[in-house]
Amino acid sequence: MKSALVLFSLLLVPAALRGQGPQQVQPTELRSAGSISLSVPPFVSFGRPQCDGDGDLYFRPIPGSGRYRDSDTVVRINPKSEWPTLYNLPSEVAAEVAPIEAAVTHSGQVWLLAQELKTNLYLVVGFNSDGSMASRFALKTPLSLLAKWFSVADDGVILISGYYPDFAPRELQGESYLALFDQSGSLRKALSAKDLDAVDLDAASKGPVAGGVAAGNDGNFYVLQRNKILVVSEWGDIVRRESYQSPTSDGIPAGLSFADGLLSLEFDRIDKGSVHHDFLVLYSATGAIFSWNRPSAELARSIPLCFTGRGGYLFETVDKGKIDLLTVPLR
């Protein structure tokens, strides 16, 4: 399948305004500037795309079965390379596990969280830069945990978030879970229910709102909750809680990303059956506003994929079976 990578430019007036609400900052529109064509392997669609610090795109393609759990490959697209890189589980490993989620670090390291079919243990698989498997180890998680979200820092520290389902011990059922592990799979620290403040979690997954978890290259993880961002150190300590608000009164939190010392919060607005997007970019160290970005009318049919920091955003447009990947560099 052929894809086009269309480059955009952004007329950006930085608005680093500590204490100033989003309503006092005017949105900046994203506009088109050029295109590059790339080849990618065929797939039906893909789930939870991510970007590294260089602006490369990573995703798990969903195969013809349409089942995300059948996807044991991660695809990396580098705009400067003609062909993508494929990160594949060896066939003997793929036959033994059910893939759950992939994580990409700021430096481009690729990891995969999977569950072993026979034991139900959670495994983490690391990959070499050429796509081959480099490591595999089990996490020392509670046996009744249902893991949903997964993030990895550049130094290999792992964050797992999930909850205890109906088959867990009665006293744990419905409780949320968030913990940090090292590269041996050993637990560093599990946060308490009081730390997580259950009323601020996603009601369905009992975890980060909209699955918003980001590993910073500053030694912290960022967890999206309702009206605030929970900042957790790699040792599991609560560093701080950053409050935020939607740029518009009807914006719904839809994602969180970290890059270049910036946090990008995505908000969705629904108007007459159509979804519109706003992006509020904050300085991660202070929570001050960097910019408020909104796709122009020409991008109204495009879907946001991920944030690359000052490199901008990647969007997807699907038209008559052709997928265009659109990038919007900040300047």
Protein backbone atom coordinates (compact mmCIF):
# COMPACT_ATOMS: atom_id res chain seq x y z
CA MET A 1 0.00 0.00 0.00
CA LYS A 2 1.27 3.45 -0.88
CA SER A 3 1.13 6.28 1.63
CA ALA A 4 2.01 9.92 1.31
CA LEU A 5 3.81 11.81 4.02
CA VAL A 6 2.66 15.42 3.70
CA LEU A 7 4.72 18.09 5.43
CA PHE A 8 3.06 21.01 7.11
CA SER A 9 4.26 24.24 8.63
CA LEU A 10 2.79 25.97 11.65
CA LEU A 11 2.65 29.71 12.17
CA LEU A 12 3.35 29.60 15.88
CA VAL A 13 3.52 32.46 18.34
CA PRO A 14 4.78 30.87 21.61
CA ALA A 15 2.60 31.66 24.59
CA ALA A 16 4.54 30.65 27.68
CA LEU A 17 2.13 32.30 30.07
CA ARG A 18 2.36 30.92 33.59
CA GLY A 19 -0.99 31.13 35.36
CA GLN A 20 -2.80 32.30 32.24
CA GLY A 21 -5.84 30.21 31.29
CA PRO A 22 -6.29 28.69 27.81
CA GLN A 23 -9.21 31.03 27.14
CA GLN A 24 -6.70 33.93 27.09
CA VAL A 25 -4.55 32.31 24.37
CA GLN A 26 -5.63 32.37 20.73
CA PRO A 27 -5.45 29.10 18.75
CA THR A 28 -2.86 28.77 15.99
CA GLU A 29 -3.88 26.97 12.79
CA LEU A 30 -1.92 24.15 11.13
CA ARG A 31 -1.27 24.54 7.39
CA SER A 32 0.10 22.44 4.52
CA ALA A 33 3.56 22.88 2.95
CA GLY A 34 4.59 19.82 0.84
CA SER A 35 4.62 16.01 0.49
CA ILE A 36 6.83 12.88 0.45
CA SER A 37 5.62 9.43 -0.69
CA LEU A 38 6.46 6.26 1.24
CA SER A 39 5.67 2.55 0.96
CA VAL A 40 4.17 0.68 3.92
CA PRO A 41 3.01 -2.95 4.27
CA PRO A 42 -0.72 -3.64 3.77
CA PHE A 43 -2.99 -3.58 6.81
CA VAL A 44 -6.62 -2.89 7.64
CA SER A 45 -5.94 -0.18 10.21
CA PHE A 46 -3.70 0.43 13.20
CA GLY A 47 -4.03 1.17 16.89
CA ARG A 48 -2.39 3.62 19.32
CA PRO A 49 0.29 5.20 17.14
CA GLN A 50 3.34 6.67 18.89
CA CYS A 51 6.29 8.86 17.94
CA ASP A 52 9.88 8.99 19.15
CA GLY A 53 12.01 12.09 19.70
CA ASP A 54 13.11 12.14 16.05
CA GLY A 55 9.56 12.20 14.71
CA ASP A 56 9.45 8.58 13.50
CA LEU A 57 6.01 6.95 13.63
CA TYR A 58 5.39 3.56 15.28
CA PHE A 59 2.21 1.50 15.27
CA ARG A 60 0.85 -2.04 15.52
CA PRO A 61 -0.99 -2.88 12.27
CA ILE A 62 -4.32 -4.61 12.73
CA PRO A 63 -4.43 -7.60 10.33
CA GLY A 64 -7.28 -8.82 8.14
CA SER A 65 -8.93 -10.58 11.08
CA GLY A 66 -9.66 -7.14 12.52
CA ARG A 67 -8.54 -8.32 15.98
CA TYR A 68 -5.96 -6.13 17.70
CA ARG A 69 -4.78 -9.08 19.80
CA ASP A 70 -3.60 -10.80 16.59
CA SER A 71 -1.10 -8.02 15.91
CA ASP A 72 2.39 -9.12 17.01
CA THR A 73 4.29 -6.65 14.79
CA VAL A 74 5.34 -3.04 15.35
CA VAL A 75 5.99 -0.89 12.27
CA ARG A 76 8.35 2.11 12.29
CA ILE A 77 8.12 4.71 9.53
CA ASN A 78 11.07 7.08 9.13
CA PRO A 79 10.32 9.96 6.71
CA LYS A 80 13.94 9.84 5.48
CA SER A 81 13.87 6.12 4.65
CA GLU A 82 12.19 4.49 1.68
CA TRP A 83 11.19 1.34 3.58
CA PRO A 84 9.70 0.84 7.05
CA THR A 85 11.31 -1.21 9.82
CA LEU A 86 9.32 -4.17 11.17
CA TYR A 87 9.69 -5.34 14.77
CA ASN A 88 8.48 -8.94 14.87
CA LEU A 89 8.15 -11.54 17.59
CA PRO A 90 9.90 -14.81 16.66
CA SER A 91 7.28 -17.32 15.53
CA GLU A 92 7.89 -19.61 18.51
CA VAL A 93 7.36 -16.71 20.93
CA ALA A 94 4.33 -15.34 19.05
CA ALA A 95 2.65 -18.76 19.39
CA GLU A 96 2.98 -18.64 23.19
CA VAL A 97 1.76 -15.12 24.00
CA ALA A 98 -1.09 -12.67 23.47
CA PRO A 99 0.26 -9.17 22.65
CA ILE A 100 -1.32 -6.38 24.70
CA GLU A 101 0.45 -3.07 24.07
CA ALA A 102 3.62 -1.60 22.56
CA ALA A 103 5.72 1.22 24.00
CA VAL A 104 8.28 3.43 22.27
CA THR A 105 10.82 5.47 24.21
CA HIS A 106 12.02 8.96 23.37
CA SER A 107 15.19 7.50 21.83
CA GLY A 108 13.24 5.01 19.69
CA GLN A 109 13.58 1.82 21.73
CA VAL A 110 10.64 -0.53 21.07
CA TRP A 111 9.04 -2.72 23.75
CA LEU A 112 6.03 -5.04 23.73
CA LEU A 113 3.85 -6.10 26.65
CA ALA A 114 2.30 -9.56 26.22
CA GLN A 115 0.61 -12.21 28.34
CA GLU A 116 1.84 -15.80 28.32
CA LEU A 117 -1.06 -18.05 27.32
CA LYS A 118 -0.20 -21.00 29.60
CA THR A 119 0.71 -19.14 32.79
CA ASN A 120 -1.04 -15.75 32.34
CA LEU A 121 2.24 -14.10 33.36
CA TYR A 122 2.91 -10.67 31.86
CA LEU A 123 6.05 -10.58 29.72
CA VAL A 124 8.01 -7.64 28.35
CA VAL A 125 9.88 -8.10 25.07
CA GLY A 126 12.61 -5.69 23.96
CA PHE A 127 13.76 -5.26 20.36
CA ASN A 128 17.02 -4.34 18.63
CA SER A 129 17.07 -1.42 16.20
CA ASP A 130 16.89 -3.85 13.24
CA GLY A 131 13.58 -5.25 14.49
CA SER A 132 14.85 -8.52 16.00
CA MET A 133 14.02 -9.57 19.56
CA ALA A 134 16.71 -8.54 22.08
CA SER A 135 15.28 -9.55 25.47
CA ARG A 136 12.33 -11.18 27.17
CA PHE A 137 11.44 -11.25 30.86
CA ALA A 138 8.43 -11.67 33.15
CA LEU A 139 6.99 -8.93 35.36
CA LYS A 140 6.31 -9.71 39.00
CA THR A 141 2.73 -8.43 38.90
CA PRO A 142 -0.22 -9.68 41.01
CA LEU A 143 -1.70 -12.83 39.48
CA SER A 144 -5.25 -11.44 39.25
CA LEU A 145 -4.27 -8.13 37.61
CA LEU A 146 -5.70 -7.11 34.24
CA ALA A 147 -2.95 -4.94 32.69
CA LYS A 148 -4.17 -2.33 30.19
CA TRP A 149 -1.55 0.43 29.80
CA PHE A 150 2.21 0.22 29.37
CA SER A 151 5.00 2.77 29.09
CA VAL A 152 8.81 2.51 29.21
CA ALA A 153 11.46 5.15 29.94
CA ASP A 154 14.75 5.41 28.05
CA ASP A 155 16.61 3.75 30.94
CA GLY A 156 14.24 0.75 30.86
CA VAL A 157 12.03 1.58 33.84
CA ILE A 158 8.53 0.22 33.15
CA LEU A 159 5.12 1.59 34.13
CA ILE A 160 2.12 -0.75 34.17
CA SER A 161 -1.46 0.38 34.77
CA GLY A 162 -4.60 -1.72 35.00
CA TYR A 163 -7.23 -2.93 37.44
CA TYR A 164 -8.50 -5.99 39.28
CA PRO A 165 -11.44 -7.64 37.43
CA ASP A 166 -14.33 -9.74 38.73
CA PHE A 167 -12.20 -12.89 39.14
CA ALA A 168 -9.80 -11.13 41.53
CA PRO A 169 -10.15 -11.54 45.29
CA ARG A 170 -13.33 -9.83 46.47
CA GLU A 171 -11.50 -7.12 48.40
CA LEU A 172 -9.55 -6.10 45.27
CA GLN A 173 -12.30 -6.24 42.62
CA GLY A 174 -12.61 -2.94 40.78
CA GLU A 175 -9.47 -1.45 42.34
CA SER A 176 -7.06 0.38 40.04
CA TYR A 177 -3.37 -0.49 39.80
CA LEU A 178 -0.30 1.50 38.75
CA ALA A 179 3.25 0.36 39.45
CA LEU A 180 6.88 0.80 38.38
CA PHE A 181 9.22 -2.10 37.51
CA ASP A 182 12.90 -2.39 36.61
CA GLN A 183 14.37 -4.30 33.65
CA SER A 184 14.62 -7.51 35.65
CA GLY A 185 10.84 -7.46 36.10
CA SER A 186 11.13 -6.69 39.82
CA LEU A 187 8.64 -4.31 41.41
CA ARG A 188 9.98 -0.89 42.37
CA LYS A 189 6.78 0.51 43.81
CA ALA A 190 3.01 0.17 43.45
CA LEU A 191 1.00 3.33 44.03
CA SER A 192 -1.79 3.19 46.58
CA ALA A 193 -5.45 3.83 45.80
CA LYS A 194 -5.12 7.10 47.71
CA ASP A 195 -2.21 8.15 45.48
CA LEU A 196 -4.24 7.44 42.34
CA ASP A 197 -7.41 9.17 43.60
CA ALA A 198 -9.92 6.83 41.93
CA VAL A 199 -12.50 9.56 41.28
CA ASP A 200 -10.10 11.10 38.76
CA LEU A 201 -9.53 7.91 36.74
CA ASP A 202 -11.28 6.71 33.59
CA ALA A 203 -14.56 5.09 34.65
CA ALA A 204 -14.33 2.17 32.18
CA SER A 205 -10.65 1.15 32.40
CA LYS A 206 -10.10 2.45 35.96
CA GLY A 207 -6.81 3.83 34.68
CA PRO A 208 -5.40 6.92 32.95
CA VAL A 209 -8.03 9.04 31.23
CA ALA A 210 -8.03 8.23 27.49
CA GLY A 211 -5.07 5.92 28.13
CA GLY A 212 -2.89 8.98 28.60
CA VAL A 213 0.49 7.80 29.93
CA ALA A 214 3.77 9.33 28.73
CA ALA A 215 7.38 8.63 29.72
CA GLY A 216 9.42 11.82 29.86
CA ASN A 217 13.17 12.01 29.30
CA ASP A 218 13.33 13.96 32.56
CA GLY A 219 13.06 10.91 34.84
CA ASN A 220 9.27 11.15 35.27
CA PHE A 221 6.12 9.52 33.96
CA TYR A 222 3.05 11.64 33.19
CA VAL A 223 -0.41 10.14 33.83
CA LEU A 224 -3.53 11.88 32.51
CA GLN A 225 -6.37 12.21 35.01
CA ARG A 226 -9.47 14.34 35.08
CA ASN A 227 -8.47 18.01 35.38
CA LYS A 228 -4.89 17.19 36.35
CA ILE A 229 -1.73 15.38 35.29
CA LEU A 230 -0.15 13.07 37.85
CA VAL A 231 3.67 13.29 37.67
CA VAL A 232 5.34 10.13 39.02
CA SER A 233 9.08 9.57 39.41
CA GLU A 234 10.76 6.39 38.13
CA TRP A 235 10.85 5.23 41.75
CA GLY A 236 7.08 5.58 42.11
CA ASP A 237 7.02 8.80 44.14
CA ILE A 238 4.37 11.46 43.46
CA VAL A 239 6.39 14.45 42.23
CA ARG A 240 3.45 16.81 41.74
CA ARG A 241 -0.02 17.17 40.29
CA GLU A 242 -0.38 19.64 37.41
CA SER A 243 -3.86 21.12 36.92
CA TYR A 244 -5.12 21.77 33.41
CA GLN A 245 -8.29 22.88 31.67
CA SER A 246 -9.64 22.44 28.17
CA PRO A 247 -9.12 25.39 25.79
CA THR A 248 -12.88 25.27 25.18
CA SER A 249 -15.78 24.63 27.53
CA ASP A 250 -16.84 21.47 25.63
CA GLY A 251 -13.43 19.84 25.16
CA ILE A 252 -13.03 16.21 26.28
CA PRO A 253 -9.51 14.93 27.18
CA ALA A 254 -8.43 12.46 24.47
CA GLY A 255 -4.69 11.92 24.91
CA LEU A 256 -1.38 12.97 26.44
CA SER A 257 2.14 12.98 24.91
CA PHE A 258 5.62 14.09 26.01
CA ALA A 259 8.45 15.30 23.74
CA ASP A 260 11.22 17.94 23.89
CA GLY A 261 10.25 18.97 27.42
CA LEU A 262 6.68 19.67 26.26
CA LEU A 263 3.37 18.01 27.10
CA SER A 264 0.65 17.93 24.47
CA LEU A 265 -2.93 17.41 25.66
CA GLU A 266 -5.45 16.51 22.99
CA PHE A 267 -9.07 17.52 23.44
CA ASP A 268 -12.01 16.40 21.28
CA ARG A 269 -15.08 18.52 20.59
CA ILE A 270 -18.22 17.08 19.02
CA ASP A 271 -20.27 19.45 16.87
CA LYS A 272 -23.20 18.24 14.73
CA GLY A 273 -21.88 14.70 14.73
CA SER A 274 -18.32 15.64 13.71
CA VAL A 275 -15.23 15.41 15.93
CA HIS A 276 -12.93 18.44 16.11
CA HIS A 277 -9.54 18.56 17.82
CA ASP A 278 -7.64 21.04 19.97
CA PHE A 279 -4.07 20.62 21.25
CA LEU A 280 -2.87 22.43 24.34
CA VAL A 281 0.93 22.32 24.66
CA LEU A 282 2.46 22.91 28.09
CA TYR A 283 6.00 23.19 29.41
CA SER A 284 6.34 19.93 31.37
CA ALA A 285 8.50 21.43 34.12
CA THR A 286 6.12 24.28 34.98
CA GLY A 287 2.70 23.58 33.45
CA ALA A 288 2.87 26.98 31.72
CA ILE A 289 1.18 27.25 28.32
CA PHE A 290 3.41 26.94 25.25
CA SER A 291 0.69 27.09 22.60
CA TRP A 292 -2.88 26.19 21.68
CA ASN A 293 -3.05 24.49 18.27
CA ARG A 294 -6.08 23.77 16.10
CA PRO A 295 -6.16 22.08 12.66
CA SER A 296 -7.27 24.39 9.86
CA ALA A 297 -10.37 23.66 7.79
CA GLU A 298 -8.29 21.78 5.20
CA LEU A 299 -7.34 19.25 7.91
CA ALA A 300 -10.88 18.82 9.22
CA ARG A 301 -11.03 15.25 7.83
CA SER A 302 -7.66 14.27 9.26
CA ILE A 303 -7.15 12.21 12.42
CA PRO A 304 -4.36 13.14 14.88
CA LEU A 305 -1.86 10.36 15.55
CA CYS A 306 0.95 11.58 17.80
CA PHE A 307 3.06 14.50 19.01
CA THR A 308 6.77 14.86 18.17
CA GLY A 309 7.57 17.90 20.31
CA ARG A 310 8.87 20.94 18.48
CA GLY A 311 8.76 18.71 15.41
CA GLY A 312 4.97 18.99 15.60
CA TYR A 313 2.22 16.44 15.03
CA LEU A 314 1.44 13.52 12.76
CA PHE A 315 -2.06 13.16 11.31
CA GLU A 316 -3.74 10.48 9.23
CA THR A 317 -6.15 11.00 6.33
CA VAL A 318 -7.88 8.06 4.62
CA ASP A 319 -9.31 8.71 1.16
CA LYS A 320 -10.53 5.92 -1.15
CA GLY A 321 -8.30 3.36 0.50
CA LYS A 322 -5.17 5.54 0.44
CA ILE A 323 -3.63 6.57 3.75
CA ASP A 324 -1.82 9.90 4.00
CA LEU A 325 0.41 10.60 6.99
CA LEU A 326 0.52 14.32 7.66
CA THR A 327 3.15 16.05 9.78
CA VAL A 328 3.01 19.56 11.22
CA PRO A 329 6.38 20.89 12.44
CA LEU A 330 6.43 23.56 15.11
CA ARG A 331 8.69 26.53 14.48
